[in-house]
Amino acid sequence: MEHALQQLATLIRRHAPNTGTYPTAISNLSVMHAIQLSEPLESVYQPSICVVAQGAKTAMLAGETYRYDSSTYLVTSVELPIIGRIVEASAQIPYLSLKLSFDTASILNIVEKMNWPASEGSETGRGITVNQTSPALLEVIIRLMQLLDAPKDIPVLAPLVIQEVLYRMLQSEQGALLSQFATSSSHAYNIAQAIRFINQHYERQLPISHLAKSVNMSESAFHKHFKHVTAMSPLQYQKTIRLQEARRLMLMESLHASDAAFRVGYESPSQFSREYARMYGQPPMRDIQEFRGST
C-alpha cells in the first residue's frame, strides 16, 4: 500500500504541480494540491469519491465530522452541503487528493450485474461514508491517473476504468448502502430524487407534502428517511443550501445582503439576517467583512 500511495502522490503532483484544484482531461476527475491547513470551506458535494494520497481532510455535515486520509476514502452518494477542511498538510508533505464524480445510472448498471437482492424497504443510511482503502481500489485509481499521461487512450479506456473504480467502491463494507441510492425501488433513491429537486429549485417555496408526494412517500416516511440520509430535515436542508449560496454570492459576486437574500428565495431581509446569524454566528455583512479580513 505504501508504495502505491507514493506512486499516486507522484501522479497527482504531476497534474497539480502547484497549490490549487485542477480539472483533468478525464471528465469529472479533478486533483488537489495544498501545502497548508485550510479554513472551513462550504460547498455542495456532488455524488463522488475522494481519495487521498497524502495528508488528511475533514467533511462536516450538520455537525457530524468525517475524517479521511491515505488509509480511507470519502463517498458522497447524494448532493450534500458539506464544510470541508484540510487538517494535515505542509510544504514538506503536501495534501494531495483526487475527486471523481459519478452518476447513479453508472452505479445501477454495475449493481444489476452483481445480482444483489432488492433493497426495497430497507433502512436508509447517510449519504456520506468513510471507507477503508483497499489495495484493489488503489490500484485502479492509479491506472485512472496514468491515463492522463496517455491522452489518446482516455476516450476508450477511461469509461472502463471508471466503471472498475465504482465496482471496487461497491465491494466495500458500505457498498450495499451506496447501491440503494441508485435502486429505484428503495427509499434512498426516492430521497435522492427529492434532494436533486431541492438543489435545482432551492429558491422556491417547497411544501413538504408536495415533495413527499412527488416521490410517492407519506410525509412522515419522507421526513424520517430524509433525515437518515442528510442528518437534517428537508426544511433545514433547503435553508442550509440557501444560506450557503447567499454567502457565496456576497463573497464572490459582492452582492449586498438584501440582494443575496432575495436571490436565494427570502422575502424578508430581516428573516434572512436572523437565520444567517444563527448559522454563521453573526449578521451577514459583519461575517463577510471578517472573512475577507482573515484571508
C-alpha atoms as a PDB file:
ATOM      1  CA  MET A   1       0.000   0.000   0.000  1.00  0.00           C
ATOM      2  CA  GLU A   2       2.791   2.429   0.895  1.00  0.00           C
ATOM      3  CA  HIS A   3       4.481   2.112  -2.497  1.00  0.00           C
ATOM      4  CA  ALA A   4       1.121   2.506  -4.269  1.00  0.00           C
ATOM      5  CA  LEU A   5       0.346   5.650  -2.275  1.00  0.00           C
ATOM      6  CA  GLN A   6       3.730   7.132  -3.201  1.00  0.00           C
ATOM      7  CA  GLN A   7       3.016   6.326  -6.842  1.00  0.00           C
ATOM      8  CA  LEU A   8      -0.409   8.021  -6.596  1.00  0.00           C
ATOM      9  CA  ALA A   9       1.127  11.065  -4.894  1.00  0.00           C
ATOM     10  CA  THR A  10       3.654  11.406  -7.729  1.00  0.00           C
ATOM     11  CA  LEU A  11       0.888  11.240 -10.331  1.00  0.00           C
ATOM     12  CA  ILE A  12      -1.219  13.852  -8.551  1.00  0.00           C
ATOM     13  CA  ARG A  13       1.734  16.241  -8.206  1.00  0.00           C
ATOM     14  CA  ARG A  14       2.463  15.845 -11.903  1.00  0.00           C
ATOM     15  CA  HIS A  15      -1.008  17.071 -12.780  1.00  0.00           C
ATOM     16  CA  ALA A  16      -1.337  19.522  -9.876  1.00  0.00           C
ATOM     17  CA  PRO A  17       2.200  20.970  -9.783  1.00  0.00           C
ATOM     18  CA  ASN A  18       1.239  23.984  -7.658  1.00  0.00           C
ATOM     19  CA  THR A  19      -1.304  24.535  -4.935  1.00  0.00           C
ATOM     20  CA  GLY A  20      -4.931  24.540  -6.018  1.00  0.00           C
ATOM     21  CA  THR A  21      -7.591  22.329  -7.560  1.00  0.00           C
ATOM     22  CA  TYR A  22      -7.105  21.257 -11.173  1.00  0.00           C
ATOM     23  CA  PRO A  23      -9.589  19.747 -13.634  1.00  0.00           C
ATOM     24  CA  THR A  24      -8.171  16.988 -15.808  1.00  0.00           C
ATOM     25  CA  ALA A  25      -8.672  15.627 -19.316  1.00  0.00           C
ATOM     26  CA  ILE A  26     -10.875  12.916 -17.804  1.00  0.00           C
ATOM     27  CA  SER A  27     -14.387  14.237 -17.357  1.00  0.00           C
ATOM     28  CA  ASN A  28     -15.463  14.566 -13.682  1.00  0.00           C
ATOM     29  CA  LEU A  29     -11.930  13.910 -12.368  1.00  0.00           C
ATOM     30  CA  SER A  30     -10.058  16.671 -10.534  1.00  0.00           C
ATOM     31  CA  VAL A  31      -6.879  16.725  -8.446  1.00  0.00           C
ATOM     32  CA  MET A  32      -5.891  18.897  -5.495  1.00  0.00           C
ATOM     33  CA  HIS A  33      -2.574  20.064  -4.016  1.00  0.00           C
ATOM     34  CA  ALA A  34      -2.270  22.059  -0.774  1.00  0.00           C
ATOM     35  CA  ILE A  35       0.700  22.893   1.438  1.00  0.00           C
ATOM     36  CA  GLN A  36      -1.118  24.350   4.429  1.00  0.00           C
ATOM     37  CA  LEU A  37      -4.181  23.764   6.567  1.00  0.00           C
ATOM     38  CA  SER A  38      -7.327  25.418   5.241  1.00  0.00           C
ATOM     39  CA  GLU A  39     -10.167  27.419   6.691  1.00  0.00           C
ATOM     40  CA  PRO A  40     -13.541  25.637   6.585  1.00  0.00           C
ATOM     41  CA  LEU A  41     -14.873  25.826   3.022  1.00  0.00           C
ATOM     42  CA  GLU A  42     -18.543  25.324   2.219  1.00  0.00           C
ATOM     43  CA  SER A  43     -19.770  23.663  -0.940  1.00  0.00           C
ATOM     44  CA  VAL A  44     -22.390  21.215  -2.148  1.00  0.00           C
ATOM     45  CA  TYR A  45     -20.627  17.917  -2.776  1.00  0.00           C
ATOM     46  CA  GLN A  46     -21.979  16.031  -5.786  1.00  0.00           C
ATOM     47  CA  PRO A  47     -22.074  12.212  -5.761  1.00  0.00           C
ATOM     48  CA  SER A  48     -18.360  11.460  -5.791  1.00  0.00           C
ATOM     49  CA  ILE A  49     -15.415   9.539  -4.372  1.00  0.00           C
ATOM     50  CA  CYS A  50     -12.495  11.424  -2.784  1.00  0.00           C
ATOM     51  CA  VAL A  51      -9.179   9.574  -2.445  1.00  0.00           C
ATOM     52  CA  VAL A  52      -6.209  10.997  -0.516  1.00  0.00           C
ATOM     53  CA  ALA A  53      -2.593  10.128  -1.312  1.00  0.00           C
ATOM     54  CA  GLN A  54      -1.056  12.345   1.405  1.00  0.00           C
ATOM     55  CA  GLY A  55      -2.400  14.432   4.270  1.00  0.00           C
ATOM     56  CA  ALA A  56      -5.927  14.446   5.658  1.00  0.00           C
ATOM     57  CA  LYS A  57      -9.201  16.306   5.353  1.00  0.00           C
ATOM     58  CA  THR A  58     -12.492  16.519   7.234  1.00  0.00           C
ATOM     59  CA  ALA A  59     -16.006  16.877   5.858  1.00  0.00           C
ATOM     60  CA  MET A  60     -18.670  18.222   8.218  1.00  0.00           C
ATOM     61  CA  LEU A  61     -22.377  17.573   7.631  1.00  0.00           C
ATOM     62  CA  ALA A  62     -24.906  19.065  10.063  1.00  0.00           C
ATOM     63  CA  GLY A  63     -22.394  18.914  12.918  1.00  0.00           C
ATOM     64  CA  GLU A  64     -21.130  15.411  12.103  1.00  0.00           C
ATOM     65  CA  THR A  65     -17.437  15.215  11.184  1.00  0.00           C
ATOM     66  CA  TYR A  66     -15.984  12.657   8.779  1.00  0.00           C
ATOM     67  CA  ARG A  67     -12.194  12.422   8.618  1.00  0.00           C
ATOM     68  CA  TYR A  68     -10.385  10.736   5.743  1.00  0.00           C
ATOM     69  CA  ASP A  69      -6.724  10.288   4.858  1.00  0.00           C
ATOM     70  CA  SER A  70      -4.424   7.994   2.878  1.00  0.00           C
ATOM     71  CA  SER A  71      -5.911   4.897   4.527  1.00  0.00           C
ATOM     72  CA  THR A  72      -9.541   5.816   3.863  1.00  0.00           C
ATOM     73  CA  TYR A  73     -11.700   7.466   1.236  1.00  0.00           C
ATOM     74  CA  LEU A  74     -14.885   9.524   1.289  1.00  0.00           C
ATOM     75  CA  VAL A  75     -18.006   8.769  -0.741  1.00  0.00           C
ATOM     76  CA  THR A  76     -20.981  11.092  -1.097  1.00  0.00           C
ATOM     77  CA  SER A  77     -23.998   9.404  -2.660  1.00  0.00           C
ATOM     78  CA  VAL A  78     -26.235  12.482  -2.991  1.00  0.00           C
ATOM     79  CA  GLU A  79     -25.810  16.259  -3.137  1.00  0.00           C
ATOM     80  CA  LEU A  80     -24.887  17.363   0.381  1.00  0.00           C
ATOM     81  CA  PRO A  81     -23.974  20.781   1.841  1.00  0.00           C
ATOM     82  CA  ILE A  82     -20.539  19.985   3.253  1.00  0.00           C
ATOM     83  CA  ILE A  83     -17.977  22.074   5.132  1.00  0.00           C
ATOM     84  CA  GLY A  84     -14.583  20.760   4.050  1.00  0.00           C
ATOM     85  CA  ARG A  85     -11.282  21.464   5.780  1.00  0.00           C
ATOM     86  CA  ILE A  86      -7.719  20.286   5.144  1.00  0.00           C
ATOM     87  CA  VAL A  87      -6.351  19.212   8.538  1.00  0.00           C
ATOM     88  CA  GLU A  88      -2.971  17.708   7.569  1.00  0.00           C
ATOM     89  CA  ALA A  89      -0.711  19.469   5.055  1.00  0.00           C
ATOM     90  CA  SER A  90       2.723  21.084   4.909  1.00  0.00           C
ATOM     91  CA  ALA A  91       5.292  22.179   2.355  1.00  0.00           C
ATOM     92  CA  GLN A  92       7.289  19.028   3.139  1.00  0.00           C
ATOM     93  CA  ILE A  93       4.294  16.667   2.986  1.00  0.00           C
ATOM     94  CA  PRO A  94       1.558  18.399   0.980  1.00  0.00           C
ATOM     95  CA  TYR A  95      -2.078  17.378   0.938  1.00  0.00           C
ATOM     96  CA  LEU A  96      -2.654  15.506  -2.347  1.00  0.00           C
ATOM     97  CA  SER A  97      -6.026  14.111  -3.370  1.00  0.00           C
ATOM     98  CA  LEU A  98      -8.370  13.408  -6.242  1.00  0.00           C
ATOM     99  CA  LYS A  99     -12.133  13.585  -6.631  1.00  0.00           C
ATOM    100  CA  LEU A 100     -14.135  11.561  -9.145  1.00  0.00           C
ATOM    101  CA  SER A 101     -17.793  12.470  -9.597  1.00  0.00           C
ATOM    102  CA  PHE A 102     -20.263   9.840 -10.807  1.00  0.00           C
ATOM    103  CA  ASP A 103     -23.938   9.427 -11.608  1.00  0.00           C
ATOM    104  CA  THR A 104     -26.364   6.937 -10.124  1.00  0.00           C
ATOM    105  CA  ALA A 105     -27.069   5.367 -13.522  1.00  0.00           C
ATOM    106  CA  SER A 106     -23.469   4.123 -13.625  1.00  0.00           C
ATOM    107  CA  ILE A 107     -23.858   2.627 -10.149  1.00  0.00           C
ATOM    108  CA  LEU A 108     -27.139   0.940 -11.080  1.00  0.00           C
ATOM    109  CA  ASN A 109     -25.595  -0.605 -14.194  1.00  0.00           C
ATOM    110  CA  ILE A 110     -22.988  -2.353 -12.037  1.00  0.00           C
ATOM    111  CA  VAL A 111     -25.437  -3.273  -9.250  1.00  0.00           C
ATOM    112  CA  GLU A 112     -27.659  -5.081 -11.752  1.00  0.00           C
ATOM    113  CA  LYS A 113     -24.714  -7.219 -12.858  1.00  0.00           C
ATOM    114  CA  MET A 114     -23.814  -8.028  -9.241  1.00  0.00           C
ATOM    115  CA  ASN A 115     -27.263  -9.601  -8.649  1.00  0.00           C
ATOM    116  CA  TRP A 116     -27.719  -8.095  -5.220  1.00  0.00           C
ATOM    117  CA  PRO A 117     -31.123  -8.570  -3.572  1.00  0.00           C
ATOM    118  CA  ALA A 118     -33.528  -5.656  -3.971  1.00  0.00           C
ATOM    119  CA  SER A 119     -33.169  -3.029  -1.240  1.00  0.00           C
ATOM    120  CA  GLU A 120     -36.844  -2.048  -1.180  1.00  0.00           C
ATOM    121  CA  GLY A 121     -37.989  -1.222   2.312  1.00  0.00           C
ATOM    122  CA  SER A 122     -34.508  -1.484   3.816  1.00  0.00           C
ATOM    123  CA  GLU A 123     -33.304   1.148   6.231  1.00  0.00           C
ATOM    124  CA  THR A 124     -31.676   4.168   4.627  1.00  0.00           C
ATOM    125  CA  GLY A 125     -28.283   5.375   5.791  1.00  0.00           C
ATOM    126  CA  ARG A 126     -26.227   8.544   5.489  1.00  0.00           C
ATOM    127  CA  GLY A 127     -25.479   9.876   2.055  1.00  0.00           C
ATOM    128  CA  ILE A 128     -21.844  10.233   3.154  1.00  0.00           C
ATOM    129  CA  THR A 129     -19.498   7.454   4.268  1.00  0.00           C
ATOM    130  CA  VAL A 130     -15.813   6.897   5.006  1.00  0.00           C
ATOM    131  CA  ASN A 131     -14.411   3.536   3.896  1.00  0.00           C
ATOM    132  CA  GLN A 132     -11.105   1.703   4.214  1.00  0.00           C
ATOM    133  CA  THR A 133      -8.989   1.986   1.061  1.00  0.00           C
ATOM    134  CA  SER A 134      -8.329  -1.469  -0.386  1.00  0.00           C
ATOM    135  CA  PRO A 135      -5.281  -2.393  -2.482  1.00  0.00           C
ATOM    136  CA  ALA A 136      -7.642  -3.232  -5.371  1.00  0.00           C
ATOM    137  CA  LEU A 137      -9.263   0.218  -5.299  1.00  0.00           C
ATOM    138  CA  LEU A 138      -5.911   1.968  -5.043  1.00  0.00           C
ATOM    139  CA  GLU A 139      -4.554   0.003  -7.988  1.00  0.00           C
ATOM    140  CA  VAL A 140      -7.421   1.000 -10.283  1.00  0.00           C
ATOM    141  CA  ILE A 141      -7.244   4.640  -9.128  1.00  0.00           C
ATOM    142  CA  ILE A 142      -3.563   4.664 -10.138  1.00  0.00           C
ATOM    143  CA  ARG A 143      -4.459   3.266 -13.567  1.00  0.00           C
ATOM    144  CA  LEU A 144      -7.057   6.014 -13.970  1.00  0.00           C
ATOM    145  CA  MET A 145      -4.474   8.681 -13.160  1.00  0.00           C
ATOM    146  CA  GLN A 146      -1.936   7.068 -15.508  1.00  0.00           C
ATOM    147  CA  LEU A 147      -4.359   7.597 -18.386  1.00  0.00           C
ATOM    148  CA  LEU A 148      -3.712  11.342 -18.052  1.00  0.00           C
ATOM    149  CA  ASP A 149      -0.257  10.638 -19.485  1.00  0.00           C
ATOM    150  CA  ALA A 150      -1.805   8.809 -22.454  1.00  0.00           C
ATOM    151  CA  PRO A 151      -4.485  11.252 -23.677  1.00  0.00           C
ATOM    152  CA  LYS A 152      -5.249   9.238 -26.833  1.00  0.00           C
ATOM    153  CA  ASP A 153      -6.332   6.317 -24.624  1.00  0.00           C
ATOM    154  CA  ILE A 154      -8.733   8.378 -22.495  1.00  0.00           C
ATOM    155  CA  PRO A 155     -11.866   8.274 -24.725  1.00  0.00           C
ATOM    156  CA  VAL A 156     -11.796   4.472 -24.945  1.00  0.00           C
ATOM    157  CA  LEU A 157     -10.248   3.350 -21.650  1.00  0.00           C
ATOM    158  CA  ALA A 158     -11.347   5.967 -19.100  1.00  0.00           C
ATOM    159  CA  PRO A 159     -15.023   4.875 -19.053  1.00  0.00           C
ATOM    160  CA  LEU A 160     -13.933   1.269 -18.488  1.00  0.00           C
ATOM    161  CA  VAL A 161     -11.524   2.165 -15.679  1.00  0.00           C
ATOM    162  CA  ILE A 162     -14.119   4.433 -14.021  1.00  0.00           C
ATOM    163  CA  GLN A 163     -16.587   1.546 -14.113  1.00  0.00           C
ATOM    164  CA  GLU A 164     -13.990  -0.574 -12.300  1.00  0.00           C
ATOM    165  CA  VAL A 165     -13.498   2.189  -9.694  1.00  0.00           C
ATOM    166  CA  LEU A 166     -17.239   2.158  -8.995  1.00  0.00           C
ATOM    167  CA  TYR A 167     -17.239  -1.638  -8.838  1.00  0.00           C
ATOM    168  CA  ARG A 168     -14.467  -1.573  -6.197  1.00  0.00           C
ATOM    169  CA  MET A 169     -16.457   1.021  -4.255  1.00  0.00           C
ATOM    170  CA  LEU A 170     -19.493  -1.263  -4.307  1.00  0.00           C
ATOM    171  CA  GLN A 171     -17.343  -4.097  -2.945  1.00  0.00           C
ATOM    172  CA  SER A 172     -16.524  -2.042   0.175  1.00  0.00           C
ATOM    173  CA  GLU A 173     -18.075  -2.603   3.585  1.00  0.00           C
ATOM    174  CA  GLN A 174     -20.700   0.037   2.795  1.00  0.00           C
ATOM    175  CA  GLY A 175     -21.248  -0.902  -0.841  1.00  0.00           C
ATOM    176  CA  ALA A 176     -24.787  -2.171  -0.277  1.00  0.00           C
ATOM    177  CA  LEU A 177     -25.717   1.183   1.259  1.00  0.00           C
ATOM    178  CA  LEU A 178     -24.270   3.037  -1.732  1.00  0.00           C
ATOM    179  CA  SER A 179     -26.252   0.837  -4.118  1.00  0.00           C
ATOM    180  CA  GLN A 180     -29.549   1.906  -2.524  1.00  0.00           C
ATOM    181  CA  PHE A 181     -29.207   5.417  -3.934  1.00  0.00           C
ATOM    182  CA  ALA A 182     -29.258   4.004  -7.471  1.00  0.00           C
ATOM    183  CA  THR A 183     -32.047   1.455  -6.986  1.00  0.00           C
ATOM    184  CA  SER A 184     -35.440   2.866  -7.935  1.00  0.00           C
ATOM    185  CA  SER A 185     -37.371   0.638  -5.529  1.00  0.00           C
ATOM    186  CA  SER A 186     -35.540   1.994  -2.459  1.00  0.00           C
ATOM    187  CA  HIS A 187     -36.314   4.814  -0.046  1.00  0.00           C
ATOM    188  CA  ALA A 188     -32.787   6.147  -0.543  1.00  0.00           C
ATOM    189  CA  TYR A 189     -33.408   6.523  -4.284  1.00  0.00           C
ATOM    190  CA  ASN A 190     -36.627   8.485  -3.610  1.00  0.00           C
ATOM    191  CA  ILE A 191     -34.826  10.795  -1.194  1.00  0.00           C
ATOM    192  CA  ALA A 192     -32.014  11.313  -3.725  1.00  0.00           C
ATOM    193  CA  GLN A 193     -34.617  12.399  -6.291  1.00  0.00           C
ATOM    194  CA  ALA A 194     -36.127  14.884  -3.831  1.00  0.00           C
ATOM    195  CA  ILE A 195     -32.672  16.231  -2.915  1.00  0.00           C
ATOM    196  CA  ARG A 196     -31.894  16.803  -6.588  1.00  0.00           C
ATOM    197  CA  PHE A 197     -35.166  18.724  -6.986  1.00  0.00           C
ATOM    198  CA  ILE A 198     -34.465  20.903  -3.931  1.00  0.00           C
ATOM    199  CA  ASN A 199     -30.991  21.762  -5.256  1.00  0.00           C
ATOM    200  CA  GLN A 200     -32.443  22.768  -8.611  1.00  0.00           C
ATOM    201  CA  HIS A 201     -35.248  24.867  -7.070  1.00  0.00           C
ATOM    202  CA  TYR A 202     -33.996  25.884  -3.615  1.00  0.00           C
ATOM    203  CA  GLU A 203     -35.215  29.487  -4.097  1.00  0.00           C
ATOM    204  CA  ARG A 204     -38.859  28.320  -4.294  1.00  0.00           C
ATOM    205  CA  GLN A 205     -41.326  27.577  -1.540  1.00  0.00           C
ATOM    206  CA  LEU A 206     -41.300  23.773  -1.447  1.00  0.00           C
ATOM    207  CA  PRO A 207     -44.039  22.331   0.811  1.00  0.00           C
ATOM    208  CA  ILE A 208     -43.001  19.030   2.347  1.00  0.00           C
ATOM    209  CA  SER A 209     -46.328  17.488   1.321  1.00  0.00           C
ATOM    210  CA  HIS A 210     -45.553  18.219  -2.351  1.00  0.00           C
ATOM    211  CA  LEU A 211     -42.018  16.851  -2.105  1.00  0.00           C
ATOM    212  CA  ALA A 212     -43.232  13.674  -0.403  1.00  0.00           C
ATOM    213  CA  LYS A 213     -45.999  13.185  -2.951  1.00  0.00           C
ATOM    214  CA  SER A 214     -43.578  13.691  -5.851  1.00  0.00           C
ATOM    215  CA  VAL A 215     -41.627  10.607  -4.750  1.00  0.00           C
ATOM    216  CA  ASN A 216     -44.682   8.580  -3.656  1.00  0.00           C
ATOM    217  CA  MET A 217     -43.960   8.667   0.066  1.00  0.00           C
ATOM    218  CA  SER A 218     -46.043   9.678   3.062  1.00  0.00           C
ATOM    219  CA  GLU A 219     -44.944  12.882   4.814  1.00  0.00           C
ATOM    220  CA  SER A 220     -43.840  11.012   7.922  1.00  0.00           C
ATOM    221  CA  ALA A 221     -41.812   8.433   5.966  1.00  0.00           C
ATOM    222  CA  PHE A 222     -40.330  11.150   3.760  1.00  0.00           C
ATOM    223  CA  HIS A 223     -39.228  13.203   6.781  1.00  0.00           C
ATOM    224  CA  LYS A 224     -37.773  10.144   8.533  1.00  0.00           C
ATOM    225  CA  HIS A 225     -35.745   8.866   5.579  1.00  0.00           C
ATOM    226  CA  PHE A 226     -34.645  12.350   4.502  1.00  0.00           C
ATOM    227  CA  LYS A 227     -33.115  12.873   7.940  1.00  0.00           C
ATOM    228  CA  HIS A 228     -31.416   9.466   7.799  1.00  0.00           C
ATOM    229  CA  VAL A 229     -29.721  10.441   4.524  1.00  0.00           C
ATOM    230  CA  THR A 230     -28.804  14.087   5.228  1.00  0.00           C
ATOM    231  CA  ALA A 231     -28.714  14.367   9.058  1.00  0.00           C
ATOM    232  CA  MET A 232     -31.241  17.227   8.784  1.00  0.00           C
ATOM    233  CA  SER A 233     -34.902  17.812   7.999  1.00  0.00           C
ATOM    234  CA  PRO A 234     -35.988  18.789   4.461  1.00  0.00           C
ATOM    235  CA  LEU A 235     -36.572  22.396   5.570  1.00  0.00           C
ATOM    236  CA  GLN A 236     -33.188  22.550   7.322  1.00  0.00           C
ATOM    237  CA  TYR A 237     -31.558  21.150   4.186  1.00  0.00           C
ATOM    238  CA  GLN A 238     -33.161  23.766   1.936  1.00  0.00           C
ATOM    239  CA  LYS A 239     -32.280  26.536   4.397  1.00  0.00           C
ATOM    240  CA  THR A 240     -28.635  25.395   4.507  1.00  0.00           C
ATOM    241  CA  ILE A 241     -28.431  25.325   0.711  1.00  0.00           C
ATOM    242  CA  ARG A 242     -29.953  28.830   0.545  1.00  0.00           C
ATOM    243  CA  LEU A 243     -27.662  30.344   3.166  1.00  0.00           C
ATOM    244  CA  GLN A 244     -24.514  28.771   1.695  1.00  0.00           C
ATOM    245  CA  GLU A 245     -25.426  30.122  -1.744  1.00  0.00           C
ATOM    246  CA  ALA A 246     -26.192  33.583  -0.304  1.00  0.00           C
ATOM    247  CA  ARG A 247     -22.804  33.624   1.434  1.00  0.00           C
ATOM    248  CA  ARG A 248     -21.106  32.632  -1.825  1.00  0.00           C
ATOM    249  CA  LEU A 249     -22.924  35.439  -3.688  1.00  0.00           C
ATOM    250  CA  MET A 250     -21.790  38.007  -1.124  1.00  0.00           C
ATOM    251  CA  LEU A 251     -18.198  36.749  -1.148  1.00  0.00           C
ATOM    252  CA  MET A 252     -17.695  36.018  -4.836  1.00  0.00           C
ATOM    253  CA  GLU A 253     -20.078  38.479  -6.517  1.00  0.00           C
ATOM    254  CA  SER A 254     -20.026  41.225  -3.848  1.00  0.00           C
ATOM    255  CA  LEU A 255     -23.818  41.270  -3.556  1.00  0.00           C
ATOM    256  CA  HIS A 256     -25.384  43.249  -0.734  1.00  0.00           C
ATOM    257  CA  ALA A 257     -27.035  41.084   1.924  1.00  0.00           C
ATOM    258  CA  SER A 258     -30.587  42.048   0.906  1.00  0.00           C
ATOM    259  CA  ASP A 259     -29.896  41.306  -2.768  1.00  0.00           C
ATOM    260  CA  ALA A 260     -28.384  37.923  -1.902  1.00  0.00           C
ATOM    261  CA  ALA A 261     -31.392  37.184   0.323  1.00  0.00           C
ATOM    262  CA  PHE A 262     -33.874  37.823  -2.490  1.00  0.00           C
ATOM    263  CA  ARG A 263     -31.749  35.875  -4.979  1.00  0.00           C
ATOM    264  CA  VAL A 264     -31.935  32.695  -2.871  1.00  0.00           C
ATOM    265  CA  GLY A 265     -35.655  32.998  -2.140  1.00  0.00           C
ATOM    266  CA  TYR A 266     -36.040  35.025   1.057  1.00  0.00           C
ATOM    267  CA  GLU A 267     -38.878  37.558   1.012  1.00  0.00           C
ATOM    268  CA  SER A 268     -37.817  39.188   4.276  1.00  0.00           C
ATOM    269  CA  PRO A 269     -34.251  40.538   4.671  1.00  0.00           C
ATOM    270  CA  SER A 270     -34.698  40.583   8.445  1.00  0.00           C
ATOM    271  CA  GLN A 271     -35.610  36.883   8.483  1.00  0.00           C
ATOM    272  CA  PHE A 272     -32.590  36.190   6.277  1.00  0.00           C
ATOM    273  CA  SER A 273     -30.329  38.116   8.657  1.00  0.00           C
ATOM    274  CA  ARG A 274     -31.661  36.228  11.684  1.00  0.00           C
ATOM    275  CA  GLU A 275     -31.251  32.811  10.091  1.00  0.00           C
ATOM    276  CA  TYR A 276     -27.826  33.722   8.701  1.00  0.00           C
ATOM    277  CA  ALA A 277     -26.618  34.841  12.135  1.00  0.00           C
ATOM    278  CA  ARG A 278     -27.955  31.637  13.665  1.00  0.00           C
ATOM    279  CA  MET A 279     -25.923  29.572  11.179  1.00  0.00           C
ATOM    280  CA  TYR A 280     -22.733  31.648  10.988  1.00  0.00           C
ATOM    281  CA  GLY A 281     -22.649  33.292  14.391  1.00  0.00           C
ATOM    282  CA  GLN A 282     -23.039  36.904  13.246  1.00  0.00           C
ATOM    283  CA  PRO A 283     -25.011  39.066  10.767  1.00  0.00           C
ATOM    284  CA  PRO A 284     -24.223  38.733   7.049  1.00  0.00           C
ATOM    285  CA  MET A 285     -22.131  41.825   6.328  1.00  0.00           C
ATOM    286  CA  ARG A 286     -20.080  41.515   9.514  1.00  0.00           C
ATOM    287  CA  ASP A 287     -19.391  37.879   8.702  1.00  0.00           C
ATOM    288  CA  ILE A 288     -18.317  38.722   5.160  1.00  0.00           C
ATOM    289  CA  GLN A 289     -16.055  41.570   6.322  1.00  0.00           C
ATOM    290  CA  GLU A 290     -14.416  39.330   8.926  1.00  0.00           C
ATOM    291  CA  PHE A 291     -13.946  36.516   6.408  1.00  0.00           C
ATOM    292  CA  ARG A 292     -12.297  38.843   3.898  1.00  0.00           C
ATOM    293  CA  GLY A 293     -10.083  40.301   6.628  1.00  0.00           C
ATOM    294  CA  SER A 294      -8.833  36.833   7.562  1.00  0.00           C
ATOM    295  CA  THR A 295      -7.862  35.799   4.009  1.00  0.00           C
END
